[in-house]
Protein backbone atom coordinates (compact mmCIF):
# COMPACT_ATOMS: atom_id res chain seq x y z
CA MET A 1 10.38 6.59 -9.81
CA SER A 2 7.05 8.15 -10.81
CA ALA A 3 3.91 6.48 -12.12
CA MET A 4 4.32 3.19 -10.26
CA LEU A 5 0.95 3.19 -8.50
CA ASP A 6 -0.86 1.64 -11.48
CA ILE A 7 1.25 -1.50 -11.82
CA PRO A 8 0.69 -4.92 -10.18
CA GLU A 9 2.40 -5.64 -6.87
CA GLU A 10 4.47 -8.45 -8.42
CA ASP A 11 5.81 -6.06 -11.05
CA ARG A 12 6.56 -3.45 -8.40
CA LEU A 13 8.70 -6.00 -6.56
CA ILE A 14 10.62 -6.69 -9.77
CA LEU A 15 11.30 -2.97 -10.20
CA GLU A 16 12.46 -2.66 -6.59
CA ALA A 17 14.82 -5.62 -7.05
CA ILE A 18 16.25 -4.02 -10.19
CA GLU A 19 16.76 -0.72 -8.36
CA LYS A 20 18.77 -2.49 -5.66
CA TRP A 21 20.81 -4.36 -8.26
CA LEU A 22 21.61 -1.13 -10.11
CA GLU A 23 22.86 0.57 -6.95
CA ARG A 24 24.83 -2.44 -5.72
CA ASP A 25 26.25 -4.06 -8.86
CA VAL A 26 26.01 -1.58 -11.73
CA ARG A 27 26.50 2.04 -10.70
CA PRO A 28 29.94 1.50 -9.08
CA HIS A 29 31.33 0.02 -12.31
CA VAL A 30 29.71 2.09 -15.05
CA MET A 31 32.48 4.68 -15.44
CA ARG A 32 35.21 2.06 -15.83
CA LEU A 33 33.29 -0.11 -18.30
CA GLU A 34 32.03 2.90 -20.27
CA HIS A 35 35.43 4.50 -20.75
CA ALA A 36 37.05 1.16 -21.60
CA ASP A 37 34.16 0.25 -23.97
CA GLU A 38 34.19 -3.14 -22.24
CA TYR A 39 31.39 -5.69 -22.57
CA PRO A 40 29.72 -6.14 -19.14
CA HIS A 41 29.84 -9.95 -18.94
CA GLU A 42 29.05 -10.12 -15.22
CA MET A 43 26.09 -7.76 -15.51
CA VAL A 44 24.71 -9.76 -18.43
CA ALA A 45 24.90 -12.91 -16.31
CA GLN A 46 23.04 -11.10 -13.53
CA MET A 47 20.36 -9.89 -15.96
CA ARG A 48 19.97 -13.46 -17.12
CA GLU A 49 19.45 -14.61 -13.50
CA MET A 50 16.81 -11.92 -13.00
CA GLY A 51 14.93 -13.12 -16.07
CA LEU A 52 15.32 -9.89 -18.05
CA PHE A 53 15.99 -11.77 -21.29
CA GLY A 54 12.48 -13.17 -20.94
CA ALA A 55 10.84 -9.97 -19.68
CA THR A 56 8.11 -9.74 -22.33
CA ILE A 57 8.11 -13.39 -23.47
CA PRO A 58 4.82 -15.12 -22.53
CA ARG A 59 4.88 -17.21 -19.35
CA GLU A 60 3.78 -20.35 -21.19
CA TYR A 61 7.14 -20.25 -22.97
CA GLY A 62 9.21 -19.59 -19.85
CA GLY A 63 9.25 -15.80 -19.83
CA LEU A 64 8.14 -13.31 -17.19
CA GLY A 65 5.21 -12.24 -19.36
CA LEU A 66 5.49 -8.60 -18.29
CA SER A 67 3.32 -5.93 -19.86
CA ALA A 68 4.91 -3.38 -22.15
CA GLY A 69 4.06 -0.78 -19.50
CA THR A 70 6.12 -2.52 -16.82
CA TYR A 71 8.85 -3.25 -19.36
CA ALA A 72 9.06 0.46 -20.23
CA ARG A 73 9.53 1.29 -16.55
CA ILE A 74 12.31 -1.30 -16.26
CA VAL A 75 14.05 0.14 -19.32
CA GLU A 76 13.80 3.69 -18.00
CA LEU A 77 15.18 2.64 -14.64
CA ILE A 78 18.20 0.86 -16.14
CA ALA A 79 18.84 3.58 -18.76
CA GLU A 80 18.95 6.14 -15.96
CA THR A 81 22.01 4.30 -14.59
CA TRP A 82 23.62 3.03 -17.82
CA MET A 83 21.74 3.16 -21.08
CA SER A 84 23.96 0.60 -22.82
CA LEU A 85 22.58 -2.26 -20.73
CA THR A 86 19.08 -1.75 -22.11
CA GLY A 87 20.29 -2.42 -25.64
CA ILE A 88 21.58 -5.85 -24.68
CA PHE A 89 18.10 -7.14 -23.92
CA ASN A 90 16.05 -4.80 -26.14
CA SER A 91 17.21 -6.17 -29.48
CA HIS A 92 16.95 -9.69 -28.04
CA LEU A 93 13.33 -9.12 -26.98
CA ILE A 94 12.37 -7.66 -30.37
CA MET A 95 13.63 -10.90 -31.91
CA ALA A 96 11.56 -12.84 -29.37
CA ALA A 97 8.50 -10.69 -30.10
CA CYS A 98 8.81 -11.51 -33.81
CA VAL A 99 8.82 -15.22 -33.02
CA ALA A 100 6.01 -14.93 -30.45
CA ARG A 101 3.79 -12.96 -32.84
CA MET A 102 4.46 -14.67 -36.16
CA GLY A 103 6.35 -17.90 -35.53
CA THR A 104 4.88 -21.36 -35.95
CA GLU A 105 4.00 -23.23 -32.76
CA ALA A 106 7.03 -25.48 -33.32
CA GLN A 107 9.29 -22.42 -33.61
CA LYS A 108 7.83 -20.91 -30.45
CA ARG A 109 8.31 -24.11 -28.46
CA HIS A 110 11.86 -24.56 -29.70
CA TYR A 111 13.17 -21.00 -29.37
CA LEU A 112 11.18 -18.94 -26.88
CA PRO A 113 12.15 -20.92 -23.75
CA ARG A 114 15.83 -20.68 -24.76
CA PHE A 115 15.44 -16.95 -25.40
CA ALA A 116 13.68 -16.46 -22.07
CA SER A 117 16.39 -18.22 -20.07
CA GLY A 118 19.13 -16.29 -21.83
CA GLU A 119 20.70 -19.56 -23.00
CA LEU A 120 20.30 -18.25 -26.55
CA ARG A 121 20.69 -14.49 -26.90
CA GLY A 122 20.75 -12.28 -29.93
CA GLY A 123 18.89 -9.57 -31.74
CA LEU A 124 17.50 -8.13 -34.91
CA ALA A 125 19.46 -8.18 -38.18
CA LEU A 126 17.73 -5.66 -40.44
CA THR A 127 20.08 -2.79 -41.31
CA GLU A 128 22.55 -3.02 -44.20
CA PRO A 129 25.31 -0.70 -45.42
CA ASP A 130 22.91 0.79 -48.01
CA ALA A 131 19.57 0.21 -46.27
CA GLY A 132 18.53 1.52 -42.87
CA THR A 133 15.13 3.15 -42.47
CA ASP A 134 14.25 2.05 -46.03
CA LEU A 135 14.13 -1.67 -45.27
CA GLN A 136 12.66 -2.54 -48.67
CA ALA A 137 16.06 -1.63 -50.16
CA ILE A 138 17.91 -4.51 -48.45
CA ARG A 139 20.05 -6.73 -50.69
CA THR A 140 20.74 -9.78 -48.52
CA ARG A 141 19.38 -12.71 -50.49
CA ALA A 142 18.11 -16.12 -49.41
CA ARG A 143 17.80 -18.69 -52.22
CA ARG A 144 15.86 -21.93 -51.71
CA GLU A 145 17.84 -25.16 -52.21
CA GLY A 146 15.88 -28.25 -51.26
CA ASP A 147 15.09 -28.22 -47.53
CA ALA A 148 17.34 -25.21 -46.86
CA TYR A 149 17.98 -21.64 -47.94
CA VAL A 150 21.39 -20.25 -48.90
CA VAL A 151 21.98 -16.71 -47.63
CA ASN A 152 24.43 -14.13 -48.98
CA GLY A 153 24.75 -10.52 -47.87
CA THR A 154 25.89 -8.14 -45.15
CA LYS A 155 24.14 -6.62 -42.13
CA THR A 156 25.53 -3.70 -40.17
CA TRP A 157 25.00 -1.88 -36.85
CA ILE A 158 23.68 -5.10 -35.35
CA SER A 159 23.38 -4.97 -31.56
CA ASN A 160 24.67 -8.12 -29.80
CA GLY A 161 26.37 -9.05 -33.06
CA ILE A 162 29.52 -10.38 -31.37
CA HIS A 163 28.21 -11.94 -28.16
CA GLY A 164 24.79 -12.98 -29.47
CA GLN A 165 24.15 -16.40 -30.98
CA CYS A 166 20.84 -16.01 -32.82
CA PHE A 167 19.20 -13.29 -34.92
CA ALA A 168 15.92 -12.45 -36.59
CA LEU A 169 17.35 -12.07 -40.09
CA LEU A 170 15.50 -10.05 -42.75
CA VAL A 171 16.26 -11.10 -46.34
CA LYS A 172 14.92 -11.01 -49.87
CA THR A 173 13.55 -14.38 -50.97
CA ASP A 174 12.14 -12.87 -54.19
CA PRO A 175 14.22 -9.84 -55.30
CA GLU A 176 11.92 -9.27 -58.31
CA ALA A 177 8.69 -8.98 -56.30
CA GLN A 178 6.62 -5.81 -56.66
CA PRO A 179 6.06 -4.09 -54.36
CA PRO A 180 9.43 -5.16 -52.87
CA HIS A 181 8.06 -6.03 -49.41
CA LYS A 182 6.20 -9.00 -50.90
CA GLY A 183 9.57 -10.60 -51.61
CA MET A 184 10.93 -10.14 -48.08
CA SER A 185 11.12 -12.91 -45.49
CA MET A 186 12.51 -13.35 -42.00
CA PHE A 187 14.53 -16.25 -40.65
CA ILE A 188 15.58 -17.34 -37.17
CA ALA A 189 19.30 -17.52 -37.88
CA GLU A 190 21.77 -19.15 -35.49
CA LYS A 191 25.48 -18.59 -35.98
CA GLY A 192 27.24 -21.30 -37.96
CA GLU A 193 29.37 -21.95 -41.01
CA GLY A 194 29.08 -19.07 -43.46
CA PHE A 195 27.80 -16.64 -40.78
CA THR A 196 30.67 -14.49 -39.53
CA VAL A 197 31.24 -11.26 -37.61
CA SER A 198 33.50 -9.08 -39.75
CA ARG A 199 34.17 -6.28 -37.26
CA LYS A 200 33.11 -4.41 -34.16
CA LEU A 201 31.86 -0.90 -34.97
CA GLU A 202 33.26 2.01 -32.97
CA LYS A 203 30.70 4.52 -31.71
CA LEU A 204 30.50 7.99 -30.17
CA GLY A 205 28.46 6.65 -27.26
CA TYR A 206 26.48 3.52 -26.40
CA LYS A 207 29.69 1.95 -25.14
CA GLY A 208 30.02 -1.56 -23.74
CA ILE A 209 27.39 -3.15 -25.96
CA ASP A 210 28.74 -4.81 -29.10
CA SER A 211 27.54 -3.30 -32.38
CA ALA A 212 28.86 -5.31 -35.29
CA GLU A 213 28.83 -6.03 -38.97
CA LEU A 214 27.61 -9.51 -39.91
CA VAL A 215 28.58 -11.23 -43.17
CA PHE A 216 26.75 -14.17 -44.77
CA ARG A 217 28.59 -16.18 -47.42
CA ASP A 218 26.72 -19.25 -48.65
CA TYR A 219 25.22 -19.58 -45.18
CA ARG A 220 22.79 -22.50 -45.18
CA ILE A 221 19.74 -22.22 -42.96
CA PRO A 222 17.02 -24.88 -42.63
CA ALA A 223 13.70 -24.07 -44.29
CA ALA A 224 12.12 -24.87 -40.93
CA ASN A 225 13.67 -21.60 -39.66
CA LEU A 226 11.61 -19.45 -42.03
CA LEU A 227 9.55 -17.39 -39.58
CA GLY A 228 5.94 -18.47 -39.72
CA GLY A 229 6.78 -21.04 -42.41
CA GLU A 230 5.74 -18.64 -45.17
CA GLU A 231 7.71 -16.40 -47.50
CA GLY A 232 6.79 -12.76 -48.06
CA ARG A 233 5.94 -11.78 -44.47
CA GLY A 234 9.35 -10.51 -43.38
CA LEU A 235 8.65 -6.78 -43.43
CA GLN A 236 5.41 -7.32 -41.50
CA ALA A 237 7.36 -9.22 -38.81
CA ALA A 238 10.04 -6.53 -38.62
CA LEU A 239 7.60 -3.65 -38.31
CA GLY A 240 5.58 -5.47 -35.65
CA GLY A 241 8.72 -6.03 -33.59
CA LEU A 242 9.77 -2.41 -34.01
CA GLU A 243 6.64 -1.21 -32.19
CA LEU A 244 8.06 -2.75 -29.00
CA GLY A 245 11.52 -1.51 -29.94
CA ARG A 246 10.30 2.07 -30.26
CA ILE A 247 8.63 1.89 -26.86
CA ASN A 248 11.98 0.67 -25.52
CA VAL A 249 13.86 3.55 -27.17
CA ALA A 250 11.31 6.03 -25.81
CA ALA A 251 11.81 4.59 -22.33
CA ARG A 252 15.58 4.86 -22.76
CA GLY A 253 15.10 8.50 -23.71
CA CYS A 254 13.10 9.00 -20.53
CA GLY A 255 15.89 7.37 -18.53
CA ILE A 256 18.56 9.66 -19.94
CA ALA A 257 16.34 12.73 -19.55
CA SER A 258 15.62 11.72 -15.95
CA ALA A 259 19.28 11.15 -15.08
CA ALA A 260 20.20 14.53 -16.57
CA LEU A 261 17.47 16.23 -14.55
CA LYS A 262 18.28 14.49 -11.26
CA ASP A 263 21.98 15.27 -11.54
CA SER A 264 21.20 18.88 -12.41
CA VAL A 265 18.78 19.38 -9.51
CA ARG A 266 21.38 17.97 -7.12
CA TYR A 267 24.29 19.96 -8.54
CA ALA A 268 22.32 23.21 -8.68
CA GLN A 269 21.83 23.05 -4.90
CA ILE A 270 25.53 22.45 -4.21
CA ARG A 271 27.23 24.73 -6.71
CA ARG A 272 27.37 28.36 -5.57
CA THR A 273 27.97 31.52 -7.60
CA PHE A 274 27.62 35.13 -6.62
CA GLY A 275 27.09 34.15 -3.01
CA LYS A 276 24.22 31.68 -3.40
CA PRO A 277 23.38 28.21 -4.82
CA ILE A 278 22.84 28.40 -8.58
CA CYS A 279 19.36 26.90 -8.13
CA GLN A 280 18.36 30.33 -6.82
CA HIS A 281 19.29 32.00 -10.10
CA GLN A 282 16.32 32.46 -12.40
CA ALA A 283 18.27 31.30 -15.47
CA ILE A 284 18.88 27.89 -13.85
CA GLN A 285 15.30 27.65 -12.60
CA LEU A 286 14.02 28.15 -16.15
CA LYS A 287 16.21 25.28 -17.36
CA LEU A 288 15.12 22.93 -14.56
CA GLY A 289 11.45 23.74 -15.11
CA GLU A 290 11.69 22.96 -18.82
CA MET A 291 13.68 19.77 -18.19
CA ALA A 292 11.14 18.43 -15.67
CA THR A 293 8.14 19.21 -17.89
CA ARG A 294 9.84 17.65 -20.91
CA LEU A 295 10.54 14.46 -18.96
CA GLN A 296 7.00 14.13 -17.66
CA ALA A 297 5.51 14.63 -21.13
CA ALA A 298 7.88 12.02 -22.56
CA ARG A 299 6.90 9.52 -19.86
CA LEU A 300 3.20 9.98 -20.46
CA LEU A 301 3.62 9.44 -24.21
CA THR A 302 5.70 6.32 -23.55
CA TYR A 303 3.21 4.80 -21.10
CA ASP A 304 0.34 5.57 -23.48
CA ALA A 305 2.06 3.73 -26.34
CA ALA A 306 2.77 0.80 -24.02
CA ARG A 307 -0.88 0.70 -22.92
CA ILE A 308 -2.08 0.46 -26.52
CA TYR A 309 0.53 -2.19 -27.32
CA ASP A 310 -0.63 -4.23 -24.30
CA ALA A 311 -4.22 -3.99 -25.57
CA GLY A 312 -3.09 -5.72 -28.76
CA ARG A 313 -3.91 -2.73 -30.93
CA ARG A 314 -1.82 -1.17 -33.66
CA CYS A 315 0.36 1.52 -32.08
CA ASP A 316 2.84 2.65 -34.72
CA MET A 317 1.62 6.25 -34.42
CA GLU A 318 1.69 6.28 -30.61
CA ALA A 319 5.04 4.46 -30.42
CA GLY A 320 6.40 6.87 -33.04
CA MET A 321 5.22 9.88 -31.03
CA ALA A 322 6.77 8.49 -27.85
CA LYS A 323 10.06 7.59 -29.51
CA TYR A 324 10.30 10.95 -31.29
CA PHE A 325 9.46 13.14 -28.28
CA ALA A 326 11.34 11.16 -25.61
CA SER A 327 14.53 10.90 -27.65
CA GLU A 328 14.52 14.63 -28.35
CA ALA A 329 13.85 15.21 -24.63
CA ALA A 330 16.95 13.16 -23.84
CA VAL A 331 19.08 15.26 -26.20
CA GLU A 332 17.75 18.56 -24.88
CA ASN A 333 17.98 17.57 -21.20
CA SER A 334 21.52 16.24 -21.63
CA LEU A 335 22.63 19.51 -23.24
CA GLU A 336 20.94 21.62 -20.55
CA ALA A 337 22.55 19.45 -17.87
CA MET A 338 25.94 20.11 -19.44
CA ARG A 339 25.29 23.85 -19.39
CA ILE A 340 24.14 23.73 -15.76
CA HIS A 341 27.26 21.77 -14.76
CA GLY A 342 29.56 24.07 -16.74
CA GLY A 343 33.10 22.72 -17.08
CA TYR A 344 32.26 19.70 -14.92
CA GLY A 345 29.61 18.71 -17.44
CA TYR A 346 32.32 18.47 -20.09
CA SER A 347 34.59 16.39 -17.88
CA LYS A 348 34.84 12.60 -18.04
CA GLU A 349 34.82 12.56 -14.24
CA TYR A 350 31.07 13.21 -14.31
CA PRO A 351 28.36 11.23 -16.14
CA ILE A 352 26.89 14.29 -17.91
CA GLU A 353 29.12 13.90 -20.96
CA ARG A 354 27.95 10.29 -21.24
CA TYR A 355 24.30 11.35 -21.37
CA PHE A 356 25.27 13.89 -24.04
CA ARG A 357 26.96 11.15 -26.15
CA ASP A 358 24.28 8.50 -25.62
CA ALA A 359 21.19 10.64 -26.25
CA PRO A 360 21.58 11.27 -30.04
CA LEU A 361 21.45 7.54 -30.74
CA MET A 362 17.84 7.53 -29.53
CA CYS A 363 16.98 9.95 -32.36
CA ILE A 364 18.41 7.52 -34.93
CA GLY A 365 17.77 3.98 -33.65
CA GLU A 366 14.58 2.03 -34.47
CA GLY A 367 13.77 4.48 -37.28
CA THR A 368 14.96 8.08 -37.42
CA ASN A 369 12.90 10.85 -35.89
CA GLU A 370 12.33 12.22 -39.37
CA ILE A 371 10.58 9.00 -40.41
CA GLN A 372 8.63 8.94 -37.12
CA ARG A 373 7.04 12.28 -37.99
CA ILE A 374 6.09 10.96 -41.42
CA ILE A 375 4.53 7.85 -39.82
CA ILE A 376 2.59 10.06 -37.39
CA ALA A 377 1.28 12.26 -40.20
CA ARG A 378 0.27 9.31 -42.40
CA GLN A 379 -1.53 7.65 -39.51
CA LEU A 380 -3.36 10.88 -38.69
CA ILE A 381 -4.63 11.04 -42.27
CA GLU A 382 -5.53 7.34 -42.37
CA ARG A 383 -7.43 7.52 -39.08
CA ASN A 384 -9.20 10.77 -39.90
CA PRO A 385 -10.41 10.62 -43.52
CA ALA A 386 -12.03 13.81 -44.81
């Protein structure tokens, strides 16, 4: 894997261990699990043993305390083998990042060690049937009753919704507030009475991981679980967590783009037409050259966003650029790989069709690529006043 010279030796050892695990315990089983859309229980247990559920959680709370740069490399590496696995710990770590950044000290001490160990796993519950990118349009309501809040509403497309136990839940605590974000709050919500999973959602790709619809009917949650102990800061918490999430999605895009390129380079040397390997045909060389350049540009954007995140600076523009470019690179590389492989690229016997199905999700998840371009433009204007 490229660009590993600038990471600490300890982190390099973690990456090498993950590479060995992927070859030994993941790659041989991906096709079966993918086509069956089966949750990878054994792999999740192995990720828990490796500490991946605490990858970016600070060491003082039991996590590995890895930088976003090293985390991005881990995500790319795993996504190159099976992208679905990265979603199982990505959403979980966004939840943890919300608590680490904005939780009270009591909330951090209570939850972060359990998140880091994988004892308590979960994700981010933001999206609703009528509210995705426009989070201020959510309708899930939390009403204060004494020392608790009563929650009613529905969340959809929630990763880890079935097998997770705890979620960073975005709600309206004051539906009349103007602007609407001032009435939004976030809770650390554990499953319990009134919190149910209504159904598993079927998807084109991104198989194996559970995406679900969550329903809250008079679900009572202690006031102590209000993130940060203060109402009105929910959107701020969500957007802060999504910076890390967008770096993750960018790294996933790099992983898919890399897998498509590697498979294509290998196949182009084996497949022969008109008396020579297809890699000697100019048309194929043009495709490979574009694919390799696209991947390298996506990686550099992703690492740059991670570097700024690690410095503790605002990086919504850089994370948006990385997520936008890397996800589009994944789509384009997966399609070119399919064309290079011809009929084999369309066959379920090869992984190319999986890359082709998985890649479009990266253009939608953690904010659509359309909204990323708007964020980039607005940040350009804000940072460069006339």
